[in-house]
Amino acid sequence: MIDLKIIKALLAKDLLIEWRNKYSFNGILLYVFSTVFICYLSFKQINPVVWNALFWIIMLFASVNAVAKSFMQETKGRFLYMYTLSSAQNIIISKIIYNALLMIILSVISILFYAVVFKNPIQDPLFYGIAVLLGGLSFSTILTMVSAIASKVNNNTTLMAILSFPIMVPLLMLLIKFSKNAMDGLERSVSYNELIAIVMLNVITIAVSLLLFPYLWRE
């Protein structure tokens, strides 16, 4: 059963752990900044198509590093304690919300730094910003469930990459096309199909997580 008070408490717990271990988020930011700077030193100038694709590739790898720890940092004792206090739905919802907040913050910081380092070719900043926010949200919803599955085995990082690949590729194609339309300044109605597809993908992923995670949680 979904309990908002428990979800709020679990979310506060994750935020407190993140605040105490700020080196983790700072490490991800350092990874993004270093990657962008190395790309700048290598290319100096890139055309808009490459600019857009390169940003999403950087965000893909950054999101895997950011979300992978959501379940891997939890000890067996803490899992058992949470199992006695809360339902599986509360656990997965709190993790999705936490990872969504983390990825949205990371995405906003990354696009601002990326646009400063490279020449900004975006002609529709509002719709491109929506694409960035949706991208961060989509990465978090997909990778949260994959992280939960991968945490059950020893070689979890490799398994997470394998399991997420079939889902992340279609998502990346949608995000690249949606953001490219915004970057070119096309009519916003042209991007409605991609926008609806991304939103529906998130809805389906969250629904599947709520249905399947309780079985995984009991293991």
C-alpha atoms as a PDB file:
ATOM      1  CA  MET A   1       0.000   0.000   0.000  1.00  0.00           C
ATOM      2  CA  ILE A   2       1.307   3.454  -0.917  1.00  0.00           C
ATOM      3  CA  ASP A   3       1.857   5.721   2.096  1.00  0.00           C
ATOM      4  CA  LEU A   4       2.945   9.304   1.419  1.00  0.00           C
ATOM      5  CA  LYS A   5       4.385   9.750   4.917  1.00  0.00           C
ATOM      6  CA  ILE A   6       6.626   6.711   4.527  1.00  0.00           C
ATOM      7  CA  ILE A   7       7.680   7.804   1.044  1.00  0.00           C
ATOM      8  CA  LYS A   8       8.574  11.224   2.439  1.00  0.00           C
ATOM      9  CA  ALA A   9      10.602   9.632   5.264  1.00  0.00           C
ATOM     10  CA  LEU A  10      12.455   7.322   2.864  1.00  0.00           C
ATOM     11  CA  LEU A  11      13.158  10.222   0.515  1.00  0.00           C
ATOM     12  CA  ALA A  12      14.484  12.303   3.423  1.00  0.00           C
ATOM     13  CA  LYS A  13      16.742   9.383   4.386  1.00  0.00           C
ATOM     14  CA  ASP A  14      18.225   9.168   0.877  1.00  0.00           C
ATOM     15  CA  LEU A  15      18.714  12.942   0.688  1.00  0.00           C
ATOM     16  CA  LEU A  16      20.446  12.924   4.080  1.00  0.00           C
ATOM     17  CA  ILE A  17      22.796  10.143   2.970  1.00  0.00           C
ATOM     18  CA  GLU A  18      23.542  12.048  -0.237  1.00  0.00           C
ATOM     19  CA  TRP A  19      24.252  15.220   1.735  1.00  0.00           C
ATOM     20  CA  ARG A  20      26.643  13.401   4.050  1.00  0.00           C
ATOM     21  CA  ASN A  21      28.389  11.747   1.091  1.00  0.00           C
ATOM     22  CA  LYS A  22      28.610  14.788  -1.172  1.00  0.00           C
ATOM     23  CA  TYR A  23      31.770  13.400  -2.732  1.00  0.00           C
ATOM     24  CA  SER A  24      29.626  10.994  -4.747  1.00  0.00           C
ATOM     25  CA  PHE A  25      27.634  13.714  -6.535  1.00  0.00           C
ATOM     26  CA  ASN A  26      30.721  15.893  -6.807  1.00  0.00           C
ATOM     27  CA  GLY A  27      32.518  12.992  -8.446  1.00  0.00           C
ATOM     28  CA  ILE A  28      29.794  12.692 -11.071  1.00  0.00           C
ATOM     29  CA  LEU A  29      29.954  16.438 -11.746  1.00  0.00           C
ATOM     30  CA  LEU A  30      33.729  16.167 -12.095  1.00  0.00           C
ATOM     31  CA  TYR A  31      33.226  13.344 -14.588  1.00  0.00           C
ATOM     32  CA  VAL A  32      30.836  15.470 -16.674  1.00  0.00           C
ATOM     33  CA  PHE A  33      33.019  18.578 -16.543  1.00  0.00           C
ATOM     34  CA  SER A  34      36.145  16.601 -17.421  1.00  0.00           C
ATOM     35  CA  THR A  35      34.442  14.831 -20.318  1.00  0.00           C
ATOM     36  CA  VAL A  36      33.050  18.072 -21.755  1.00  0.00           C
ATOM     37  CA  PHE A  37      36.408  19.822 -21.411  1.00  0.00           C
ATOM     38  CA  ILE A  38      38.283  16.936 -23.070  1.00  0.00           C
ATOM     39  CA  CYS A  39      35.766  16.975 -25.932  1.00  0.00           C
ATOM     40  CA  TYR A  40      36.305  20.709 -26.292  1.00  0.00           C
ATOM     41  CA  LEU A  41      40.076  20.283 -26.439  1.00  0.00           C
ATOM     42  CA  SER A  42      39.656  17.519 -29.017  1.00  0.00           C
ATOM     43  CA  PHE A  43      37.091  19.143 -31.321  1.00  0.00           C
ATOM     44  CA  LYS A  44      37.175  22.889 -30.570  1.00  0.00           C
ATOM     45  CA  GLN A  45      34.115  23.389 -32.820  1.00  0.00           C
ATOM     46  CA  ILE A  46      31.426  20.886 -33.741  1.00  0.00           C
ATOM     47  CA  ASN A  47      28.301  21.112 -35.891  1.00  0.00           C
ATOM     48  CA  PRO A  48      24.862  21.202 -34.211  1.00  0.00           C
ATOM     49  CA  VAL A  49      24.060  17.534 -34.960  1.00  0.00           C
ATOM     50  CA  VAL A  50      27.213  16.323 -33.225  1.00  0.00           C
ATOM     51  CA  TRP A  51      26.717  18.905 -30.448  1.00  0.00           C
ATOM     52  CA  ASN A  52      23.313  17.459 -29.633  1.00  0.00           C
ATOM     53  CA  ALA A  53      24.294  13.780 -29.882  1.00  0.00           C
ATOM     54  CA  LEU A  54      27.469  14.274 -27.827  1.00  0.00           C
ATOM     55  CA  PHE A  55      25.526  15.897 -24.999  1.00  0.00           C
ATOM     56  CA  TRP A  56      23.135  12.958 -24.690  1.00  0.00           C
ATOM     57  CA  ILE A  57      25.957  10.426 -24.822  1.00  0.00           C
ATOM     58  CA  ILE A  58      27.691  12.224 -21.954  1.00  0.00           C
ATOM     59  CA  MET A  59      24.437  12.328 -19.982  1.00  0.00           C
ATOM     60  CA  LEU A  60      23.829   8.623 -20.590  1.00  0.00           C
ATOM     61  CA  PHE A  61      27.089   7.552 -18.970  1.00  0.00           C
ATOM     62  CA  ALA A  62      26.730  10.129 -16.202  1.00  0.00           C
ATOM     63  CA  SER A  63      23.229   8.859 -15.379  1.00  0.00           C
ATOM     64  CA  VAL A  64      24.416   5.247 -15.153  1.00  0.00           C
ATOM     65  CA  ASN A  65      27.066   6.292 -12.626  1.00  0.00           C
ATOM     66  CA  ALA A  66      24.598   8.462 -10.696  1.00  0.00           C
ATOM     67  CA  VAL A  67      21.671   6.038 -10.454  1.00  0.00           C
ATOM     68  CA  ALA A  68      23.646   2.783 -10.125  1.00  0.00           C
ATOM     69  CA  LYS A  69      24.359   3.449  -6.459  1.00  0.00           C
ATOM     70  CA  SER A  70      20.699   3.912  -5.485  1.00  0.00           C
ATOM     71  CA  PHE A  71      20.297   0.267  -4.440  1.00  0.00           C
ATOM     72  CA  MET A  72      23.936  -0.821  -4.374  1.00  0.00           C
ATOM     73  CA  GLN A  73      24.710   1.473  -1.432  1.00  0.00           C
ATOM     74  CA  GLU A  74      22.050  -0.190   0.699  1.00  0.00           C
ATOM     75  CA  THR A  75      23.290  -2.923   3.055  1.00  0.00           C
ATOM     76  CA  LYS A  76      21.427  -6.187   3.597  1.00  0.00           C
ATOM     77  CA  GLY A  77      20.665  -5.157   7.156  1.00  0.00           C
ATOM     78  CA  ARG A  78      19.120  -1.881   6.000  1.00  0.00           C
ATOM     79  CA  PHE A  79      17.083  -3.734   3.358  1.00  0.00           C
ATOM     80  CA  LEU A  80      15.748  -6.085   6.018  1.00  0.00           C
ATOM     81  CA  TYR A  81      14.905  -3.183   8.324  1.00  0.00           C
ATOM     82  CA  MET A  82      13.046  -1.315   5.574  1.00  0.00           C
ATOM     83  CA  TYR A  83      11.235  -4.544   4.655  1.00  0.00           C
ATOM     84  CA  THR A  84       9.726  -4.669   8.153  1.00  0.00           C
ATOM     85  CA  LEU A  85       8.624  -1.024   8.036  1.00  0.00           C
ATOM     86  CA  SER A  86       7.409  -0.347   4.517  1.00  0.00           C
ATOM     87  CA  SER A  87       5.857  -1.881   1.441  1.00  0.00           C
ATOM     88  CA  ALA A  88       7.800  -2.422  -1.770  1.00  0.00           C
ATOM     89  CA  GLN A  89       5.780   0.238  -3.598  1.00  0.00           C
ATOM     90  CA  ASN A  90       6.863   2.906  -1.106  1.00  0.00           C
ATOM     91  CA  ILE A  91      10.496   1.878  -1.514  1.00  0.00           C
ATOM     92  CA  ILE A  92      10.537   2.016  -5.315  1.00  0.00           C
ATOM     93  CA  ILE A  93       8.556   5.277  -5.486  1.00  0.00           C
ATOM     94  CA  SER A  94      10.927   6.987  -3.048  1.00  0.00           C
ATOM     95  CA  LYS A  95      13.926   5.750  -5.048  1.00  0.00           C
ATOM     96  CA  ILE A  96      12.435   6.978  -8.337  1.00  0.00           C
ATOM     97  CA  ILE A  97      11.673  10.414  -6.861  1.00  0.00           C
ATOM     98  CA  TYR A  98      15.151  10.662  -5.343  1.00  0.00           C
ATOM     99  CA  ASN A  99      16.894   9.643  -8.567  1.00  0.00           C
ATOM    100  CA  ALA A 100      14.646  11.951 -10.592  1.00  0.00           C
ATOM    101  CA  LEU A 101      15.642  14.931  -8.424  1.00  0.00           C
ATOM    102  CA  LEU A 102      19.297  13.922  -8.668  1.00  0.00           C
ATOM    103  CA  MET A 103      19.208  13.527 -12.458  1.00  0.00           C
ATOM    104  CA  ILE A 104      17.259  16.749 -13.064  1.00  0.00           C
ATOM    105  CA  ILE A 105      19.807  18.743 -11.035  1.00  0.00           C
ATOM    106  CA  LEU A 106      22.678  16.980 -12.804  1.00  0.00           C
ATOM    107  CA  SER A 107      21.105  17.544 -16.238  1.00  0.00           C
ATOM    108  CA  VAL A 108      20.532  21.268 -15.652  1.00  0.00           C
ATOM    109  CA  ILE A 109      24.091  21.827 -14.411  1.00  0.00           C
ATOM    110  CA  SER A 110      25.504  19.773 -17.289  1.00  0.00           C
ATOM    111  CA  ILE A 111      23.624  21.567 -20.084  1.00  0.00           C
ATOM    112  CA  LEU A 112      24.580  24.974 -18.670  1.00  0.00           C
ATOM    113  CA  PHE A 113      28.257  24.039 -18.524  1.00  0.00           C
ATOM    114  CA  TYR A 114      28.088  22.315 -21.912  1.00  0.00           C
ATOM    115  CA  ALA A 115      26.510  25.383 -23.538  1.00  0.00           C
ATOM    116  CA  VAL A 116      29.179  27.648 -22.042  1.00  0.00           C
ATOM    117  CA  VAL A 117      32.141  25.520 -23.152  1.00  0.00           C
ATOM    118  CA  PHE A 118      30.812  24.885 -26.659  1.00  0.00           C
ATOM    119  CA  LYS A 119      29.057  27.492 -28.763  1.00  0.00           C
ATOM    120  CA  ASN A 120      25.340  27.310 -28.003  1.00  0.00           C
ATOM    121  CA  PRO A 121      23.342  26.501 -31.191  1.00  0.00           C
ATOM    122  CA  ILE A 122      19.938  26.132 -29.490  1.00  0.00           C
ATOM    123  CA  GLN A 123      17.189  28.188 -31.158  1.00  0.00           C
ATOM    124  CA  ASP A 124      14.296  27.103 -28.923  1.00  0.00           C
ATOM    125  CA  PRO A 125      15.704  27.084 -25.356  1.00  0.00           C
ATOM    126  CA  LEU A 126      12.320  26.360 -23.735  1.00  0.00           C
ATOM    127  CA  PHE A 127      11.656  23.144 -25.635  1.00  0.00           C
ATOM    128  CA  TYR A 128      15.288  22.075 -25.379  1.00  0.00           C
ATOM    129  CA  GLY A 129      15.051  22.618 -21.620  1.00  0.00           C
ATOM    130  CA  ILE A 130      11.952  20.411 -21.561  1.00  0.00           C
ATOM    131  CA  ALA A 131      13.913  17.756 -23.451  1.00  0.00           C
ATOM    132  CA  VAL A 132      16.732  17.948 -20.878  1.00  0.00           C
ATOM    133  CA  LEU A 133      14.312  17.645 -17.944  1.00  0.00           C
ATOM    134  CA  LEU A 134      12.457  14.756 -19.572  1.00  0.00           C
ATOM    135  CA  GLY A 135      15.768  13.094 -20.348  1.00  0.00           C
ATOM    136  CA  GLY A 136      16.872  13.283 -16.725  1.00  0.00           C
ATOM    137  CA  LEU A 137      13.502  11.971 -15.550  1.00  0.00           C
ATOM    138  CA  SER A 138      13.544   9.139 -18.101  1.00  0.00           C
ATOM    139  CA  PHE A 139      17.070   8.053 -17.199  1.00  0.00           C
ATOM    140  CA  SER A 140      16.104   7.942 -13.533  1.00  0.00           C
ATOM    141  CA  THR A 141      12.900   5.902 -13.964  1.00  0.00           C
ATOM    142  CA  ILE A 142      14.516   3.305 -16.220  1.00  0.00           C
ATOM    143  CA  LEU A 143      17.808   2.946 -14.375  1.00  0.00           C
ATOM    144  CA  THR A 144      16.200   2.804 -10.921  1.00  0.00           C
ATOM    145  CA  MET A 145      14.423  -0.462 -11.702  1.00  0.00           C
ATOM    146  CA  VAL A 146      17.450  -1.843 -13.528  1.00  0.00           C
ATOM    147  CA  SER A 147      19.603  -0.940 -10.523  1.00  0.00           C
ATOM    148  CA  ALA A 148      17.228  -2.825  -8.234  1.00  0.00           C
ATOM    149  CA  ILE A 149      17.547  -5.945 -10.386  1.00  0.00           C
ATOM    150  CA  ALA A 150      21.330  -5.637 -10.718  1.00  0.00           C
ATOM    151  CA  SER A 151      21.794  -5.198  -6.962  1.00  0.00           C
ATOM    152  CA  LYS A 152      20.682  -8.811  -6.464  1.00  0.00           C
ATOM    153  CA  VAL A 153      23.790 -10.223  -8.161  1.00  0.00           C
ATOM    154  CA  ASN A 154      27.501  -9.758  -7.551  1.00  0.00           C
ATOM    155  CA  ASN A 155      28.522  -8.398 -10.955  1.00  0.00           C
ATOM    156  CA  ASN A 156      25.876  -5.676 -10.712  1.00  0.00           C
ATOM    157  CA  THR A 157      27.519  -2.917 -12.759  1.00  0.00           C
ATOM    158  CA  THR A 158      27.955  -5.108 -15.835  1.00  0.00           C
ATOM    159  CA  LEU A 159      24.426  -6.509 -15.518  1.00  0.00           C
ATOM    160  CA  MET A 160      22.995  -3.013 -15.191  1.00  0.00           C
ATOM    161  CA  ALA A 161      24.634  -1.940 -18.441  1.00  0.00           C
ATOM    162  CA  ILE A 162      23.370  -5.052 -20.242  1.00  0.00           C
ATOM    163  CA  LEU A 163      19.793  -4.775 -18.973  1.00  0.00           C
ATOM    164  CA  SER A 164      19.472  -1.056 -19.612  1.00  0.00           C
ATOM    165  CA  PHE A 165      20.842  -1.123 -23.174  1.00  0.00           C
ATOM    166  CA  PRO A 166      17.658  -2.347 -24.982  1.00  0.00           C
ATOM    167  CA  ILE A 167      15.562   0.317 -23.241  1.00  0.00           C
ATOM    168  CA  MET A 168      18.015   3.198 -23.330  1.00  0.00           C
ATOM    169  CA  VAL A 169      18.690   3.041 -27.082  1.00  0.00           C
ATOM    170  CA  PRO A 170      15.059   3.811 -28.141  1.00  0.00           C
ATOM    171  CA  LEU A 171      14.883   6.482 -25.427  1.00  0.00           C
ATOM    172  CA  LEU A 172      18.086   8.105 -26.670  1.00  0.00           C
ATOM    173  CA  MET A 173      16.776   8.128 -30.242  1.00  0.00           C
ATOM    174  CA  LEU A 174      13.602   9.900 -29.104  1.00  0.00           C
ATOM    175  CA  LEU A 175      15.503  12.412 -26.981  1.00  0.00           C
ATOM    176  CA  ILE A 176      18.005  13.182 -29.737  1.00  0.00           C
ATOM    177  CA  LYS A 177      15.245  13.749 -32.298  1.00  0.00           C
ATOM    178  CA  PHE A 178      13.117  15.810 -29.900  1.00  0.00           C
ATOM    179  CA  SER A 179      16.033  18.000 -28.786  1.00  0.00           C
ATOM    180  CA  LYS A 180      17.323  18.344 -32.368  1.00  0.00           C
ATOM    181  CA  ASN A 181      13.961  19.792 -33.436  1.00  0.00           C
ATOM    182  CA  ALA A 182      14.185  22.289 -30.579  1.00  0.00           C
ATOM    183  CA  MET A 183      17.775  23.129 -31.443  1.00  0.00           C
ATOM    184  CA  ASP A 184      16.834  23.815 -35.063  1.00  0.00           C
ATOM    185  CA  GLY A 185      13.913  26.005 -33.995  1.00  0.00           C
ATOM    186  CA  LEU A 186      11.276  23.931 -35.800  1.00  0.00           C
ATOM    187  CA  GLU A 187       7.581  24.294 -35.102  1.00  0.00           C
ATOM    188  CA  ARG A 188       6.830  22.768 -31.701  1.00  0.00           C
ATOM    189  CA  SER A 189       3.990  20.703 -33.132  1.00  0.00           C
ATOM    190  CA  VAL A 190       6.603  18.694 -35.054  1.00  0.00           C
ATOM    191  CA  SER A 191       7.960  17.347 -31.751  1.00  0.00           C
ATOM    192  CA  TYR A 192       4.638  16.365 -30.175  1.00  0.00           C
ATOM    193  CA  ASN A 193       4.915  12.703 -31.224  1.00  0.00           C
ATOM    194  CA  GLU A 194       8.350  12.361 -29.601  1.00  0.00           C
ATOM    195  CA  LEU A 195       7.143  14.229 -26.520  1.00  0.00           C
ATOM    196  CA  ILE A 196       4.139  11.915 -26.088  1.00  0.00           C
ATOM    197  CA  ALA A 197       6.309   8.833 -26.689  1.00  0.00           C
ATOM    198  CA  ILE A 198       8.823   9.890 -24.009  1.00  0.00           C
ATOM    199  CA  VAL A 199       6.071  10.634 -21.482  1.00  0.00           C
ATOM    200  CA  MET A 200       4.368   7.302 -22.190  1.00  0.00           C
ATOM    201  CA  LEU A 201       7.677   5.470 -21.833  1.00  0.00           C
ATOM    202  CA  ASN A 202       8.072   6.993 -18.381  1.00  0.00           C
ATOM    203  CA  VAL A 203       4.512   6.091 -17.392  1.00  0.00           C
ATOM    204  CA  ILE A 204       4.960   2.495 -18.552  1.00  0.00           C
ATOM    205  CA  THR A 205       8.319   2.181 -16.784  1.00  0.00           C
ATOM    206  CA  ILE A 206       6.905   3.457 -13.492  1.00  0.00           C
ATOM    207  CA  ALA A 207       3.868   1.161 -13.797  1.00  0.00           C
ATOM    208  CA  VAL A 208       6.072  -1.868 -14.501  1.00  0.00           C
ATOM    209  CA  SER A 209       8.309  -0.949 -11.555  1.00  0.00           C
ATOM    210  CA  LEU A 210       5.309  -0.817  -9.206  1.00  0.00           C
ATOM    211  CA  LEU A 211       4.102  -4.203 -10.452  1.00  0.00           C
ATOM    212  CA  LEU A 212       7.397  -6.103 -10.554  1.00  0.00           C
ATOM    213  CA  PHE A 213       9.435  -4.634  -7.711  1.00  0.00           C
ATOM    214  CA  PRO A 214       7.389  -6.299  -4.921  1.00  0.00           C
ATOM    215  CA  TYR A 215       8.384  -9.743  -6.289  1.00  0.00           C
ATOM    216  CA  LEU A 216      12.016  -8.667  -6.456  1.00  0.00           C
ATOM    217  CA  TRP A 217      11.805  -7.110  -2.995  1.00  0.00           C
ATOM    218  CA  ARG A 218      10.654 -10.368  -1.379  1.00  0.00           C
ATOM    219  CA  GLU A 219      13.760 -12.128  -2.697  1.00  0.00           C
END
